[in-house]
Structure formats: structure tokens, C-alpha cells
């Protein structure tokens, strides 16, 4: 018998996911498909009998909107939602806004895979000349963080995502789980991957091959020490999940413009 259950969820498809661009800290709403993914996820979790006591999200709209839609579909809109920048997507620095497939054509698929999926390689830093710099750093939401705005990242490796996520995990999420609360973390591909690496002890090399599609809940059954009792479960139609994983993995492959 598991002591605790935890559900991780990469938000539904965002507008820039659809356009295959590095979205990162640029705030985007869900696409129409993303809204449907979140609603379908909520219906699935309701069918599975999930009852959440607490939800954690990033401070990016696509993460929050996904949580709202999931809870609405579950008839659990009343469940408290706690937001933190520490669950934000990985900061892709100067790569923000660029198209992954076009970059693969320009720099090679291996280089793009390193930037996207490696554990400890940081992409080039964003600077004030970047077209999205002011949109990010002038955003009022970043005045609410527990660090000064000037200390927020300008680019991150997955390792750096885990480093900024773990203090929030240990101080805020873990005590709630240990009180017996069933928790949903509605976040992003890389913040969820970083947390999986920590919980499952995934190696620095193997984490490159862990892919989480949008809108697919990942269920973890944990023991009293918050160690997994069995492999993570991606819930839903397994054929559709495998197709969705392949779609994510293909995003960094070169495609000639048509």
C-alpha cells in the first residue's frame, strides 16, 4: 500500500507549443487544444476517483489555467491553489521565442537536443536587447517572488531549475503531503521533469530521455520517505500517450520550411 499519492501535470498545449517555439517565461494562454487537454485530464482524474486537497502551480497563466480547468471538470473548484515562481518553466534565455525546428536546421538537431533536454547545459543568457526581455522582467508578477527581481534567472539548465525548485518543494509541498494531503502540481515540462529526477533518482544522462506530453497526468505512489514504490504512471489511453511523446520528441528535429 502506498503512503502518499502525488500527481504531476504538464499544462495543456499553449499557443507557442503549437507554433513549436521556446515559450519559457513569456506568458501565454492555452490554445484551444490545450483547453480541451486540461478538461479531458480533469474528467479522467474524476473517473479515477482522484480527490485533491491542494494544488500547486507556477505563476505563468498556462499552468494556472490548466489547474482551473482540471478542477472545474472534477467538480473540485473549491480546492486551494498555491502559486510560486519556483514551479515556472525552465528559463531558456536567449532562445526564448525561437522556433525549435528552424534552430535544428541552423544549428543541428544534436545541439538543439542538448539545449532542450540535457541536465547541466545552460543556454545563452537573455539580455536587454532581446525582444521579450522587457515583457518578462517588467511583468508585475515578478515583484511577488521571494527573491529580488534582479536575482531571477536569465537562463537555466535543468539542474538550475531543480536547484530553485527544491527549496519550495521541501519547505512548502512536502509538509502538506506528509500531513496526508493529496496534491496536484500543475506546472511545466521541465519543472515536472526536474521533480521526477529528484524523486525517482533519474541519472543526469537518462533524464534527457524523459518526455512529458502536455495535459497527461503523471501519478506517483510514494512511501513514508517520499520515495516511489513503483514506476510513474502516465494516466490515460497508452497509444495516445506514446503518440504524444513522439510528437514532443520530434519538436527539435529539423523541418524544411514549406
C-alpha atoms as a PDB file:
ATOM      1  CA  UNK A   1       0.000   0.000   0.000  1.00  0.00           C
ATOM      2  CA  UNK A   2       1.278   3.445  -0.872  1.00  0.00           C
ATOM      3  CA  UNK A   3       1.534   6.021   1.876  1.00  0.00           C
ATOM      4  CA  UNK A   4       1.055   9.056  -0.369  1.00  0.00           C
ATOM      5  CA  UNK A   5      -0.138   9.865  -3.887  1.00  0.00           C
ATOM      6  CA  UNK A   6       1.157  12.783  -5.916  1.00  0.00           C
ATOM      7  CA  UNK A   7       0.017  13.857  -9.389  1.00  0.00           C
ATOM      8  CA  UNK A   8       2.275  15.903 -11.664  1.00  0.00           C
ATOM      9  CA  UNK A   9       0.816  17.589 -14.723  1.00  0.00           C
ATOM     10  CA  UNK A  10       2.442  19.450 -17.567  1.00  0.00           C
ATOM     11  CA  UNK A  11      -0.019  22.199 -18.553  1.00  0.00           C
ATOM     12  CA  UNK A  12      -2.225  21.830 -21.638  1.00  0.00           C
ATOM     13  CA  UNK A  13      -0.856  22.900 -25.005  1.00  0.00           C
ATOM     14  CA  UNK A  14      -0.017  26.610 -25.091  1.00  0.00           C
ATOM     15  CA  UNK A  15      -0.125  28.916 -28.086  1.00  0.00           C
ATOM     16  CA  UNK A  16       3.630  28.713 -28.587  1.00  0.00           C
ATOM     17  CA  UNK A  17       3.692  24.929 -28.083  1.00  0.00           C
ATOM     18  CA  UNK A  18       1.500  24.816 -31.167  1.00  0.00           C
ATOM     19  CA  UNK A  19       3.964  27.052 -33.044  1.00  0.00           C
ATOM     20  CA  UNK A  20       6.924  24.955 -31.787  1.00  0.00           C
ATOM     21  CA  UNK A  21       8.620  27.968 -30.165  1.00  0.00           C
ATOM     22  CA  UNK A  22      10.567  28.191 -26.920  1.00  0.00           C
ATOM     23  CA  UNK A  23       7.960  29.789 -24.644  1.00  0.00           C
ATOM     24  CA  UNK A  24       9.656  29.596 -21.272  1.00  0.00           C
ATOM     25  CA  UNK A  25       8.882  32.676 -19.126  1.00  0.00           C
ATOM     26  CA  UNK A  26       6.839  34.504 -21.768  1.00  0.00           C
ATOM     27  CA  UNK A  27       3.257  34.358 -20.508  1.00  0.00           C
ATOM     28  CA  UNK A  28       0.959  32.522 -22.910  1.00  0.00           C
ATOM     29  CA  UNK A  29      -2.593  31.243 -22.533  1.00  0.00           C
ATOM     30  CA  UNK A  30      -3.675  27.746 -23.567  1.00  0.00           C
ATOM     31  CA  UNK A  31      -4.531  27.036 -27.180  1.00  0.00           C
ATOM     32  CA  UNK A  32      -7.990  25.620 -27.995  1.00  0.00           C
ATOM     33  CA  UNK A  33      -6.440  22.146 -27.998  1.00  0.00           C
ATOM     34  CA  UNK A  34      -4.778  22.932 -24.668  1.00  0.00           C
ATOM     35  CA  UNK A  35      -8.107  23.860 -23.086  1.00  0.00           C
ATOM     36  CA  UNK A  36      -9.540  20.536 -24.263  1.00  0.00           C
ATOM     37  CA  UNK A  37      -6.496  18.643 -22.955  1.00  0.00           C
ATOM     38  CA  UNK A  38      -6.930  20.178 -19.494  1.00  0.00           C
ATOM     39  CA  UNK A  39     -10.672  19.428 -19.453  1.00  0.00           C
ATOM     40  CA  UNK A  40     -10.090  15.849 -20.630  1.00  0.00           C
ATOM     41  CA  UNK A  41      -7.437  15.434 -17.944  1.00  0.00           C
ATOM     42  CA  UNK A  42      -9.879  16.612 -15.272  1.00  0.00           C
ATOM     43  CA  UNK A  43     -12.559  14.203 -16.486  1.00  0.00           C
ATOM     44  CA  UNK A  44     -10.054  11.331 -16.462  1.00  0.00           C
ATOM     45  CA  UNK A  45      -8.900  12.128 -12.919  1.00  0.00           C
ATOM     46  CA  UNK A  46     -12.520  12.329 -11.779  1.00  0.00           C
ATOM     47  CA  UNK A  47     -13.207   8.892 -13.314  1.00  0.00           C
ATOM     48  CA  UNK A  48     -10.135   7.575 -11.476  1.00  0.00           C
ATOM     49  CA  UNK A  49     -11.631   8.814  -8.206  1.00  0.00           C
ATOM     50  CA  UNK A  50      -8.940  11.426  -7.503  1.00  0.00           C
ATOM     51  CA  UNK A  51      -9.786  13.900  -4.765  1.00  0.00           C
ATOM     52  CA  UNK A  52      -7.275  16.689  -4.378  1.00  0.00           C
ATOM     53  CA  UNK A  53      -6.739  18.628  -1.169  1.00  0.00           C
ATOM     54  CA  UNK A  54      -4.278  21.159  -2.553  1.00  0.00           C
ATOM     55  CA  UNK A  55      -2.940  22.300  -5.938  1.00  0.00           C
ATOM     56  CA  UNK A  56       0.395  23.977  -6.669  1.00  0.00           C
ATOM     57  CA  UNK A  57       1.055  25.925  -9.872  1.00  0.00           C
ATOM     58  CA  UNK A  58       3.685  28.248 -11.292  1.00  0.00           C
ATOM     59  CA  UNK A  59       2.866  31.942 -11.757  1.00  0.00           C
ATOM     60  CA  UNK A  60       2.519  31.522 -15.541  1.00  0.00           C
ATOM     61  CA  UNK A  61      -1.033  31.656 -16.903  1.00  0.00           C
ATOM     62  CA  UNK A  62      -0.929  28.362 -18.809  1.00  0.00           C
ATOM     63  CA  UNK A  63      -0.127  26.468 -15.607  1.00  0.00           C
ATOM     64  CA  UNK A  64      -2.829  28.265 -13.591  1.00  0.00           C
ATOM     65  CA  UNK A  65      -5.454  27.998 -16.356  1.00  0.00           C
ATOM     66  CA  UNK A  66      -4.782  24.256 -16.621  1.00  0.00           C
ATOM     67  CA  UNK A  67      -5.312  23.807 -12.875  1.00  0.00           C
ATOM     68  CA  UNK A  68      -8.595  25.752 -13.009  1.00  0.00           C
ATOM     69  CA  UNK A  69      -9.923  23.687 -15.923  1.00  0.00           C
ATOM     70  CA  UNK A  70      -8.896  20.397 -14.309  1.00  0.00           C
ATOM     71  CA  UNK A  71     -10.586  21.298 -11.015  1.00  0.00           C
ATOM     72  CA  UNK A  72     -13.714  22.510 -12.811  1.00  0.00           C
ATOM     73  CA  UNK A  73     -14.010  19.226 -14.728  1.00  0.00           C
ATOM     74  CA  UNK A  74     -13.604  17.353 -11.424  1.00  0.00           C
ATOM     75  CA  UNK A  75     -16.229  19.490  -9.593  1.00  0.00           C
ATOM     76  CA  UNK A  76     -13.464  20.470  -7.183  1.00  0.00           C
ATOM     77  CA  UNK A  77     -13.172  24.198  -7.914  1.00  0.00           C
ATOM     78  CA  UNK A  78     -13.036  24.937  -4.170  1.00  0.00           C
ATOM     79  CA  UNK A  79      -9.663  23.216  -3.707  1.00  0.00           C
ATOM     80  CA  UNK A  80      -6.983  25.784  -2.698  1.00  0.00           C
ATOM     81  CA  UNK A  81      -4.367  26.726  -5.312  1.00  0.00           C
ATOM     82  CA  UNK A  82      -0.899  27.929  -4.263  1.00  0.00           C
ATOM     83  CA  UNK A  83       1.287  29.670  -6.863  1.00  0.00           C
ATOM     84  CA  UNK A  84       5.073  30.023  -6.920  1.00  0.00           C
ATOM     85  CA  UNK A  85       7.619  31.218  -9.487  1.00  0.00           C
ATOM     86  CA  UNK A  86       9.768  28.290  -8.347  1.00  0.00           C
ATOM     87  CA  UNK A  87       7.498  25.980 -10.379  1.00  0.00           C
ATOM     88  CA  UNK A  88       7.915  28.114 -13.530  1.00  0.00           C
ATOM     89  CA  UNK A  89       9.092  26.571 -16.771  1.00  0.00           C
ATOM     90  CA  UNK A  90      12.834  26.442 -17.362  1.00  0.00           C
ATOM     91  CA  UNK A  91      14.227  29.825 -18.416  1.00  0.00           C
ATOM     92  CA  UNK A  92      15.553  29.319 -21.950  1.00  0.00           C
ATOM     93  CA  UNK A  93      17.433  32.615 -22.034  1.00  0.00           C
ATOM     94  CA  UNK A  94      18.256  33.971 -25.479  1.00  0.00           C
ATOM     95  CA  UNK A  95      16.410  31.029 -27.103  1.00  0.00           C
ATOM     96  CA  UNK A  96      13.004  32.322 -25.969  1.00  0.00           C
ATOM     97  CA  UNK A  97      10.652  32.910 -28.906  1.00  0.00           C
ATOM     98  CA  UNK A  98      12.730  30.906 -31.398  1.00  0.00           C
ATOM     99  CA  UNK A  99      11.316  28.003 -33.402  1.00  0.00           C
ATOM    100  CA  UNK A 100      12.868  24.664 -32.432  1.00  0.00           C
ATOM    101  CA  UNK A 101      12.719  23.085 -35.898  1.00  0.00           C
ATOM    102  CA  UNK A 102      14.243  26.144 -37.582  1.00  0.00           C
ATOM    103  CA  UNK A 103      17.023  26.136 -34.968  1.00  0.00           C
ATOM    104  CA  UNK A 104      17.686  22.449 -35.650  1.00  0.00           C
ATOM    105  CA  UNK A 105      18.098  23.316 -39.316  1.00  0.00           C
ATOM    106  CA  UNK A 106      20.511  26.109 -38.420  1.00  0.00           C
ATOM    107  CA  UNK A 107      22.495  24.587 -35.525  1.00  0.00           C
ATOM    108  CA  UNK A 108      21.888  20.842 -35.941  1.00  0.00           C
ATOM    109  CA  UNK A 109      19.470  18.535 -34.123  1.00  0.00           C
ATOM    110  CA  UNK A 110      22.069  17.395 -31.564  1.00  0.00           C
ATOM    111  CA  UNK A 111      22.795  20.953 -30.432  1.00  0.00           C
ATOM    112  CA  UNK A 112      19.083  21.704 -30.046  1.00  0.00           C
ATOM    113  CA  UNK A 113      18.585  18.439 -28.146  1.00  0.00           C
ATOM    114  CA  UNK A 114      21.407  19.448 -25.789  1.00  0.00           C
ATOM    115  CA  UNK A 115      19.799  22.828 -25.168  1.00  0.00           C
ATOM    116  CA  UNK A 116      16.354  21.280 -24.669  1.00  0.00           C
ATOM    117  CA  UNK A 117      16.980  18.019 -22.844  1.00  0.00           C
ATOM    118  CA  UNK A 118      20.442  17.927 -21.226  1.00  0.00           C
ATOM    119  CA  UNK A 119      20.764  18.239 -17.451  1.00  0.00           C
ATOM    120  CA  UNK A 120      23.551  20.739 -16.891  1.00  0.00           C
ATOM    121  CA  UNK A 121      23.938  22.811 -20.062  1.00  0.00           C
ATOM    122  CA  UNK A 122      22.686  26.391 -19.762  1.00  0.00           C
ATOM    123  CA  UNK A 123      21.560  28.141 -22.972  1.00  0.00           C
ATOM    124  CA  UNK A 124      22.864  31.633 -23.824  1.00  0.00           C
ATOM    125  CA  UNK A 125      21.638  34.287 -21.352  1.00  0.00           C
ATOM    126  CA  UNK A 126      18.829  36.674 -22.231  1.00  0.00           C
ATOM    127  CA  UNK A 127      19.870  40.337 -22.218  1.00  0.00           C
ATOM    128  CA  UNK A 128      18.124  43.679 -22.570  1.00  0.00           C
ATOM    129  CA  UNK A 129      18.379  43.598 -26.368  1.00  0.00           C
ATOM    130  CA  UNK A 130      16.148  40.510 -26.523  1.00  0.00           C
ATOM    131  CA  UNK A 131      12.643  41.245 -27.905  1.00  0.00           C
ATOM    132  CA  UNK A 132      10.948  39.586 -24.887  1.00  0.00           C
ATOM    133  CA  UNK A 133      13.260  40.862 -22.128  1.00  0.00           C
ATOM    134  CA  UNK A 134      11.076  43.755 -21.011  1.00  0.00           C
ATOM    135  CA  UNK A 135       7.869  41.739 -21.361  1.00  0.00           C
ATOM    136  CA  UNK A 136       9.267  39.263 -18.849  1.00  0.00           C
ATOM    137  CA  UNK A 137      11.133  41.458 -16.372  1.00  0.00           C
ATOM    138  CA  UNK A 138       8.651  44.343 -16.321  1.00  0.00           C
ATOM    139  CA  UNK A 139       5.818  41.919 -15.540  1.00  0.00           C
ATOM    140  CA  UNK A 140       4.281  42.737 -12.154  1.00  0.00           C
ATOM    141  CA  UNK A 141       4.071  39.061 -11.181  1.00  0.00           C
ATOM    142  CA  UNK A 142       7.859  39.004 -10.701  1.00  0.00           C
ATOM    143  CA  UNK A 143       7.650  41.619  -7.949  1.00  0.00           C
ATOM    144  CA  UNK A 144       5.858  38.961  -5.844  1.00  0.00           C
ATOM    145  CA  UNK A 145       8.750  36.469  -5.786  1.00  0.00           C
ATOM    146  CA  UNK A 146      10.746  35.543  -2.682  1.00  0.00           C
ATOM    147  CA  UNK A 147      13.944  36.844  -4.326  1.00  0.00           C
ATOM    148  CA  UNK A 148      14.621  40.329  -5.741  1.00  0.00           C
ATOM    149  CA  UNK A 149      13.786  40.704  -9.416  1.00  0.00           C
ATOM    150  CA  UNK A 150      17.437  41.329 -10.292  1.00  0.00           C
ATOM    151  CA  UNK A 151      18.321  37.887  -8.845  1.00  0.00           C
ATOM    152  CA  UNK A 152      15.840  35.987 -11.006  1.00  0.00           C
ATOM    153  CA  UNK A 153      17.422  33.747 -13.660  1.00  0.00           C
ATOM    154  CA  UNK A 154      18.455  34.975 -17.106  1.00  0.00           C
ATOM    155  CA  UNK A 155      18.770  31.384 -18.397  1.00  0.00           C
ATOM    156  CA  UNK A 156      18.730  27.950 -16.758  1.00  0.00           C
ATOM    157  CA  UNK A 157      19.882  24.395 -17.209  1.00  0.00           C
ATOM    158  CA  UNK A 158      17.568  21.674 -15.897  1.00  0.00           C
ATOM    159  CA  UNK A 159      19.957  21.387 -12.927  1.00  0.00           C
ATOM    160  CA  UNK A 160      19.363  25.071 -12.142  1.00  0.00           C
ATOM    161  CA  UNK A 161      15.590  24.521 -12.396  1.00  0.00           C
ATOM    162  CA  UNK A 162      15.885  21.770  -9.786  1.00  0.00           C
ATOM    163  CA  UNK A 163      18.101  23.965  -7.592  1.00  0.00           C
ATOM    164  CA  UNK A 164      15.466  26.747  -7.445  1.00  0.00           C
ATOM    165  CA  UNK A 165      12.548  24.305  -7.186  1.00  0.00           C
ATOM    166  CA  UNK A 166      13.821  22.172  -4.279  1.00  0.00           C
ATOM    167  CA  UNK A 167      13.598  24.852  -1.541  1.00  0.00           C
ATOM    168  CA  UNK A 168       9.880  25.291  -2.340  1.00  0.00           C
ATOM    169  CA  UNK A 169       9.375  21.522  -2.553  1.00  0.00           C
ATOM    170  CA  UNK A 170      10.954  20.901   0.864  1.00  0.00           C
ATOM    171  CA  UNK A 171       9.534  23.924   2.695  1.00  0.00           C
ATOM    172  CA  UNK A 172       6.004  24.067   1.279  1.00  0.00           C
ATOM    173  CA  UNK A 173       4.954  20.961  -0.689  1.00  0.00           C
ATOM    174  CA  UNK A 174       6.494  18.147   1.375  1.00  0.00           C
ATOM    175  CA  UNK A 175       4.879  19.168   4.700  1.00  0.00           C
ATOM    176  CA  UNK A 176       1.432  19.155   3.045  1.00  0.00           C
ATOM    177  CA  UNK A 177       1.995  15.687   1.553  1.00  0.00           C
ATOM    178  CA  UNK A 178       3.233  14.406   4.911  1.00  0.00           C
ATOM    179  CA  UNK A 179       0.042  15.711   6.520  1.00  0.00           C
ATOM    180  CA  UNK A 180      -1.765  13.231   4.277  1.00  0.00           C
ATOM    181  CA  UNK A 181      -2.971  15.706   1.663  1.00  0.00           C
ATOM    182  CA  UNK A 182      -3.379  14.561  -1.932  1.00  0.00           C
ATOM    183  CA  UNK A 183      -1.525  17.094  -4.060  1.00  0.00           C
ATOM    184  CA  UNK A 184      -1.665  18.075  -7.727  1.00  0.00           C
ATOM    185  CA  UNK A 185       1.271  20.007  -9.158  1.00  0.00           C
ATOM    186  CA  UNK A 186       0.143  21.709 -12.370  1.00  0.00           C
ATOM    187  CA  UNK A 187       3.362  23.041 -13.811  1.00  0.00           C
ATOM    188  CA  UNK A 188       5.580  22.707 -16.888  1.00  0.00           C
ATOM    189  CA  UNK A 189       7.532  20.099 -18.815  1.00  0.00           C
ATOM    190  CA  UNK A 190      10.878  20.943 -17.253  1.00  0.00           C
ATOM    191  CA  UNK A 191       9.775  21.733 -13.704  1.00  0.00           C
ATOM    192  CA  UNK A 192       7.957  18.368 -13.668  1.00  0.00           C
ATOM    193  CA  UNK A 193      10.969  16.585 -15.201  1.00  0.00           C
ATOM    194  CA  UNK A 194      13.256  18.151 -12.588  1.00  0.00           C
ATOM    195  CA  UNK A 195      10.978  16.960  -9.795  1.00  0.00           C
ATOM    196  CA  UNK A 196      10.808  13.460 -11.291  1.00  0.00           C
ATOM    197  CA  UNK A 197      14.601  13.387 -11.426  1.00  0.00           C
ATOM    198  CA  UNK A 198      14.744  14.225  -7.737  1.00  0.00           C
ATOM    199  CA  UNK A 199      12.014  11.803  -6.620  1.00  0.00           C
ATOM    200  CA  UNK A 200      12.990   8.856  -8.812  1.00  0.00           C
ATOM    201  CA  UNK A 201      16.760   9.337  -8.740  1.00  0.00           C
ATOM    202  CA  UNK A 202      16.952   9.534 -12.537  1.00  0.00           C
ATOM    203  CA  UNK A 203      20.583   9.857 -13.712  1.00  0.00           C
ATOM    204  CA  UNK A 204      21.908  13.019 -15.355  1.00  0.00           C
ATOM    205  CA  UNK A 205      22.121  11.122 -18.648  1.00  0.00           C
ATOM    206  CA  UNK A 206      18.761   9.328 -18.504  1.00  0.00           C
ATOM    207  CA  UNK A 207      16.756  12.475 -17.758  1.00  0.00           C
ATOM    208  CA  UNK A 208      17.337  13.575 -21.385  1.00  0.00           C
ATOM    209  CA  UNK A 209      15.022  10.743 -22.444  1.00  0.00           C
ATOM    210  CA  UNK A 210      12.189  11.525 -20.002  1.00  0.00           C
ATOM    211  CA  UNK A 211       9.405  13.153 -22.016  1.00  0.00           C
ATOM    212  CA  UNK A 212       6.149  14.511 -20.609  1.00  0.00           C
ATOM    213  CA  UNK A 213       3.391  15.404 -23.078  1.00  0.00           C
ATOM    214  CA  UNK A 214       1.009  18.287 -22.405  1.00  0.00           C
ATOM    215  CA  UNK A 215      -2.149  17.533 -20.456  1.00  0.00           C
ATOM    216  CA  UNK A 216      -1.192  13.973 -19.403  1.00  0.00           C
ATOM    217  CA  UNK A 217      -1.293  13.376 -15.624  1.00  0.00           C
ATOM    218  CA  UNK A 218       1.634  11.508 -14.059  1.00  0.00           C
ATOM    219  CA  UNK A 219       0.748   9.592 -10.906  1.00  0.00           C
ATOM    220  CA  UNK A 220       3.377   8.756  -8.288  1.00  0.00           C
ATOM    221  CA  UNK A 221       2.828   6.441  -5.336  1.00  0.00           C
ATOM    222  CA  UNK A 222       5.263   7.299  -2.555  1.00  0.00           C
ATOM    223  CA  UNK A 223       6.359   5.671   0.696  1.00  0.00           C
ATOM    224  CA  UNK A 224       6.748   7.455   4.031  1.00  0.00           C
ATOM    225  CA  UNK A 225      10.142   8.812   2.888  1.00  0.00           C
ATOM    226  CA  UNK A 226       8.574  10.137  -0.348  1.00  0.00           C
ATOM    227  CA  UNK A 227      10.380   7.514  -2.417  1.00  0.00           C
ATOM    228  CA  UNK A 228       8.428   5.935  -5.307  1.00  0.00           C
ATOM    229  CA  UNK A 229       7.013   2.487  -4.607  1.00  0.00           C
ATOM    230  CA  UNK A 230       6.627   1.717  -8.313  1.00  0.00           C
ATOM    231  CA  UNK A 231       7.355   3.366 -11.676  1.00  0.00           C
ATOM    232  CA  UNK A 232       5.483   6.558 -12.533  1.00  0.00           C
ATOM    233  CA  UNK A 233       2.159   6.038 -14.311  1.00  0.00           C
ATOM    234  CA  UNK A 234       1.108   8.251 -17.214  1.00  0.00           C
ATOM    235  CA  UNK A 235      -2.665   8.020 -16.971  1.00  0.00           C
ATOM    236  CA  UNK A 236      -4.923   7.675 -19.997  1.00  0.00           C
ATOM    237  CA  UNK A 237      -5.004   5.912 -23.369  1.00  0.00           C
ATOM    238  CA  UNK A 238      -1.482   4.484 -23.690  1.00  0.00           C
ATOM    239  CA  UNK A 239      -1.414   4.546 -27.512  1.00  0.00           C
ATOM    240  CA  UNK A 240      -2.353   8.238 -27.491  1.00  0.00           C
ATOM    241  CA  UNK A 241       0.255   8.926 -24.811  1.00  0.00           C
ATOM    242  CA  UNK A 242       3.012   7.276 -26.875  1.00  0.00           C
ATOM    243  CA  UNK A 243       1.965   9.297 -29.934  1.00  0.00           C
ATOM    244  CA  UNK A 244       2.036  12.477 -27.831  1.00  0.00           C
ATOM    245  CA  UNK A 245       5.529  11.635 -26.509  1.00  0.00           C
ATOM    246  CA  UNK A 246       6.797  11.144 -30.071  1.00  0.00           C
ATOM    247  CA  UNK A 247       5.286  14.495 -31.071  1.00  0.00           C
ATOM    248  CA  UNK A 248       7.205  16.253 -28.276  1.00  0.00           C
ATOM    249  CA  UNK A 249      10.453  14.473 -29.172  1.00  0.00           C
ATOM    250  CA  UNK A 250      10.044  15.441 -32.841  1.00  0.00           C
ATOM    251  CA  UNK A 251       9.777  19.144 -31.988  1.00  0.00           C
ATOM    252  CA  UNK A 252      13.534  19.547 -32.037  1.00  0.00           C
ATOM    253  CA  UNK A 253      14.022  17.893 -35.422  1.00  0.00           C
ATOM    254  CA  UNK A 254      14.855  19.927 -38.484  1.00  0.00           C
ATOM    255  CA  UNK A 255      11.998  20.561 -40.886  1.00  0.00           C
ATOM    256  CA  UNK A 256      12.434  22.369 -44.136  1.00  0.00           C
ATOM    257  CA  UNK A 257      10.144  25.389 -44.428  1.00  0.00           C
ATOM    258  CA  UNK A 258       7.255  24.770 -46.782  1.00  0.00           C
END
